[in-house]
C-alpha cells in the first residue's frame, strides 16, 4: 500500500508498542497504542496549521532511571513535528481494547485556502 500512495520508508515514524497473542489469529496491544491518539491543531486566520499537539495514551514502557523509555523515544522522534502530551487511559480505555481517541472529540477548523477536492496530495 505505501507504494500506491507514493510513500517511502522515511515518510513513516516508527513508534514503540508491545503486542501479545489474543488468540491463534490475532494480536492485541499489550502496551497502549500511542498511534491511537488525539490530534489537536491551532490554525492561523488563513487556515494554515501553525501548531500540532498530540494527546497520546501513556505507553507504560520500560523504565530506566525513573523515565519511561517509550515516552523518551516518542518525544525525541516527534520533536519539531508536534508537542506530545501523554495521558493515562489504561484502566479507562486500554483494558477495554480502546485508546484516547475512543473517548475524545476535537473541533476542527477546515482549511480556508482550498476545498478538500482541490488539495494536490489527495489526487
C-alpha atoms as a PDB file:
ATOM      1  CA  UNK A   1       0.000   0.000   0.000  1.00  0.00           C
ATOM      2  CA  UNK A   2       2.751   2.580   0.661  1.00  0.00           C
ATOM      3  CA  UNK A   3       3.840   2.325  -2.982  1.00  0.00           C
ATOM      4  CA  UNK A   4       0.310   3.047  -4.204  1.00  0.00           C
ATOM      5  CA  UNK A   5       0.335   6.197  -2.068  1.00  0.00           C
ATOM      6  CA  UNK A   6       3.811   7.199  -3.281  1.00  0.00           C
ATOM      7  CA  UNK A   7       5.246   6.836   0.227  1.00  0.00           C
ATOM      8  CA  UNK A   8       8.810   5.903   1.118  1.00  0.00           C
ATOM      9  CA  UNK A   9      10.158   4.261   4.276  1.00  0.00           C
ATOM     10  CA  UNK A  10      11.412   7.590   5.634  1.00  0.00           C
ATOM     11  CA  UNK A  11       7.856   9.005   5.399  1.00  0.00           C
ATOM     12  CA  UNK A  12       6.998   6.814   8.407  1.00  0.00           C
ATOM     13  CA  UNK A  13       7.877   7.364  12.052  1.00  0.00           C
ATOM     14  CA  UNK A  14       8.041   4.064  13.905  1.00  0.00           C
ATOM     15  CA  UNK A  15       6.684   4.309  17.449  1.00  0.00           C
ATOM     16  CA  UNK A  16       7.048   1.649  20.149  1.00  0.00           C
ATOM     17  CA  UNK A  17       4.239  -0.675  21.208  1.00  0.00           C
ATOM     18  CA  UNK A  18       4.266  -4.241  22.504  1.00  0.00           C
ATOM     19  CA  UNK A  19       1.730  -6.852  21.408  1.00  0.00           C
ATOM     20  CA  UNK A  20       0.515 -10.111  22.908  1.00  0.00           C
ATOM     21  CA  UNK A  21      -1.420 -13.022  21.434  1.00  0.00           C
ATOM     22  CA  UNK A  22      -5.169 -12.567  21.714  1.00  0.00           C
ATOM     23  CA  UNK A  23      -5.924 -15.941  20.127  1.00  0.00           C
ATOM     24  CA  UNK A  24      -4.459 -18.080  17.344  1.00  0.00           C
ATOM     25  CA  UNK A  25      -5.189 -15.488  14.672  1.00  0.00           C
ATOM     26  CA  UNK A  26      -4.926 -12.055  16.321  1.00  0.00           C
ATOM     27  CA  UNK A  27      -2.607  -9.896  18.364  1.00  0.00           C
ATOM     28  CA  UNK A  28      -3.701  -7.200  20.788  1.00  0.00           C
ATOM     29  CA  UNK A  29      -1.682  -4.244  22.057  1.00  0.00           C
ATOM     30  CA  UNK A  30      -0.118  -5.126  25.409  1.00  0.00           C
ATOM     31  CA  UNK A  31       1.018  -1.544  25.952  1.00  0.00           C
ATOM     32  CA  UNK A  32      -1.254   1.348  24.950  1.00  0.00           C
ATOM     33  CA  UNK A  33      -1.129   2.052  21.233  1.00  0.00           C
ATOM     34  CA  UNK A  34       0.267   5.567  21.023  1.00  0.00           C
ATOM     35  CA  UNK A  35      -0.723   5.998  17.375  1.00  0.00           C
ATOM     36  CA  UNK A  36      -4.359   5.940  18.526  1.00  0.00           C
ATOM     37  CA  UNK A  37      -4.091   9.481  19.780  1.00  0.00           C
ATOM     38  CA  UNK A  38      -5.979  12.734  19.521  1.00  0.00           C
ATOM     39  CA  UNK A  39      -4.512  15.311  17.127  1.00  0.00           C
ATOM     40  CA  UNK A  40      -5.080  18.925  18.139  1.00  0.00           C
ATOM     41  CA  UNK A  41      -4.121  21.783  15.839  1.00  0.00           C
ATOM     42  CA  UNK A  42      -4.057  25.550  16.001  1.00  0.00           C
ATOM     43  CA  UNK A  43      -4.559  27.407  12.745  1.00  0.00           C
ATOM     44  CA  UNK A  44      -3.933  30.983  11.718  1.00  0.00           C
ATOM     45  CA  UNK A  45      -6.527  33.228  10.036  1.00  0.00           C
ATOM     46  CA  UNK A  46      -5.815  31.628   6.635  1.00  0.00           C
ATOM     47  CA  UNK A  47      -6.394  28.134   7.994  1.00  0.00           C
ATOM     48  CA  UNK A  48      -2.702  27.211   7.920  1.00  0.00           C
ATOM     49  CA  UNK A  49      -1.742  24.899  10.758  1.00  0.00           C
ATOM     50  CA  UNK A  50       0.862  26.552  12.953  1.00  0.00           C
ATOM     51  CA  UNK A  51       0.951  24.128  15.883  1.00  0.00           C
ATOM     52  CA  UNK A  52       0.242  20.434  16.368  1.00  0.00           C
ATOM     53  CA  UNK A  53      -0.301  18.784  19.747  1.00  0.00           C
ATOM     54  CA  UNK A  54      -0.657  15.007  20.036  1.00  0.00           C
ATOM     55  CA  UNK A  55      -2.538  13.716  23.070  1.00  0.00           C
ATOM     56  CA  UNK A  56      -1.273  10.150  23.321  1.00  0.00           C
ATOM     57  CA  UNK A  57      -2.041   7.311  25.688  1.00  0.00           C
ATOM     58  CA  UNK A  58       0.734   6.908  28.249  1.00  0.00           C
ATOM     59  CA  UNK A  59       2.688   3.927  26.857  1.00  0.00           C
ATOM     60  CA  UNK A  60       3.920   2.412  30.156  1.00  0.00           C
ATOM     61  CA  UNK A  61       7.104   1.173  28.530  1.00  0.00           C
ATOM     62  CA  UNK A  62      10.267   0.032  30.272  1.00  0.00           C
ATOM     63  CA  UNK A  63      11.507   2.438  32.938  1.00  0.00           C
ATOM     64  CA  UNK A  64      15.170   3.340  33.411  1.00  0.00           C
ATOM     65  CA  UNK A  65      16.341   5.914  35.971  1.00  0.00           C
ATOM     66  CA  UNK A  66      12.711   6.818  36.640  1.00  0.00           C
ATOM     67  CA  UNK A  67      11.943   7.639  32.987  1.00  0.00           C
ATOM     68  CA  UNK A  68       9.737   5.734  30.549  1.00  0.00           C
ATOM     69  CA  UNK A  69      11.936   4.766  27.612  1.00  0.00           C
ATOM     70  CA  UNK A  70       8.932   4.642  25.247  1.00  0.00           C
ATOM     71  CA  UNK A  71       7.947   8.224  26.165  1.00  0.00           C
ATOM     72  CA  UNK A  72      11.525   9.397  25.628  1.00  0.00           C
ATOM     73  CA  UNK A  73      11.709   7.671  22.233  1.00  0.00           C
ATOM     74  CA  UNK A  74       8.358   9.051  21.069  1.00  0.00           C
ATOM     75  CA  UNK A  75       9.105  12.600  22.233  1.00  0.00           C
ATOM     76  CA  UNK A  76      12.512  12.513  20.529  1.00  0.00           C
ATOM     77  CA  UNK A  77      11.117  11.197  17.229  1.00  0.00           C
ATOM     78  CA  UNK A  78       8.297  13.771  17.135  1.00  0.00           C
ATOM     79  CA  UNK A  79      10.396  16.761  18.230  1.00  0.00           C
ATOM     80  CA  UNK A  80       9.854  19.625  15.827  1.00  0.00           C
ATOM     81  CA  UNK A  81       6.760  17.931  14.377  1.00  0.00           C
ATOM     82  CA  UNK A  82       4.370  18.021  17.321  1.00  0.00           C
ATOM     83  CA  UNK A  83       4.165  18.692  21.019  1.00  0.00           C
ATOM     84  CA  UNK A  84       3.362  15.413  22.778  1.00  0.00           C
ATOM     85  CA  UNK A  85       1.148  15.129  25.856  1.00  0.00           C
ATOM     86  CA  UNK A  86       0.770  11.712  27.499  1.00  0.00           C
ATOM     87  CA  UNK A  87      -2.486  10.798  29.273  1.00  0.00           C
ATOM     88  CA  UNK A  88      -3.067   7.687  31.370  1.00  0.00           C
ATOM     89  CA  UNK A  89      -6.037   5.951  29.726  1.00  0.00           C
ATOM     90  CA  UNK A  90      -5.006   2.433  30.746  1.00  0.00           C
ATOM     91  CA  UNK A  91      -7.851   1.426  33.079  1.00  0.00           C
ATOM     92  CA  UNK A  92     -10.499   3.553  31.366  1.00  0.00           C
ATOM     93  CA  UNK A  93      -9.913   2.540  27.753  1.00  0.00           C
ATOM     94  CA  UNK A  94      -6.877   0.345  27.042  1.00  0.00           C
ATOM     95  CA  UNK A  95      -8.137  -2.642  29.064  1.00  0.00           C
ATOM     96  CA  UNK A  96     -11.363  -2.471  27.021  1.00  0.00           C
ATOM     97  CA  UNK A  97      -9.346  -2.512  23.749  1.00  0.00           C
ATOM     98  CA  UNK A  98      -9.654   1.238  23.216  1.00  0.00           C
ATOM     99  CA  UNK A  99      -7.369   4.246  23.474  1.00  0.00           C
ATOM    100  CA  UNK A 100      -7.510   8.015  23.918  1.00  0.00           C
ATOM    101  CA  UNK A 101      -9.146   8.635  20.509  1.00  0.00           C
ATOM    102  CA  UNK A 102     -12.134   6.494  21.561  1.00  0.00           C
ATOM    103  CA  UNK A 103     -13.066   8.995  24.267  1.00  0.00           C
ATOM    104  CA  UNK A 104     -12.285  12.299  22.641  1.00  0.00           C
ATOM    105  CA  UNK A 105     -13.564  14.817  20.164  1.00  0.00           C
ATOM    106  CA  UNK A 106     -11.947  17.887  18.770  1.00  0.00           C
ATOM    107  CA  UNK A 107     -13.468  20.842  16.970  1.00  0.00           C
ATOM    108  CA  UNK A 108     -11.686  21.013  13.622  1.00  0.00           C
ATOM    109  CA  UNK A 109     -11.112  24.153  11.622  1.00  0.00           C
ATOM    110  CA  UNK A 110     -11.080  23.390   7.886  1.00  0.00           C
ATOM    111  CA  UNK A 111      -8.522  24.845   5.528  1.00  0.00           C
ATOM    112  CA  UNK A 112      -9.667  28.177   4.161  1.00  0.00           C
ATOM    113  CA  UNK A 113      -7.482  28.285   1.066  1.00  0.00           C
ATOM    114  CA  UNK A 114      -8.829  25.176  -0.726  1.00  0.00           C
ATOM    115  CA  UNK A 115     -11.644  22.706  -0.612  1.00  0.00           C
ATOM    116  CA  UNK A 116     -10.664  19.103   0.023  1.00  0.00           C
ATOM    117  CA  UNK A 117     -11.074  18.104  -3.625  1.00  0.00           C
ATOM    118  CA  UNK A 118      -8.594  20.816  -4.674  1.00  0.00           C
ATOM    119  CA  UNK A 119      -5.751  19.646  -2.429  1.00  0.00           C
ATOM    120  CA  UNK A 120      -2.988  18.227  -4.656  1.00  0.00           C
ATOM    121  CA  UNK A 121      -1.838  15.409  -2.399  1.00  0.00           C
ATOM    122  CA  UNK A 122      -5.357  13.934  -2.345  1.00  0.00           C
ATOM    123  CA  UNK A 123      -5.371  13.340  -6.099  1.00  0.00           C
END
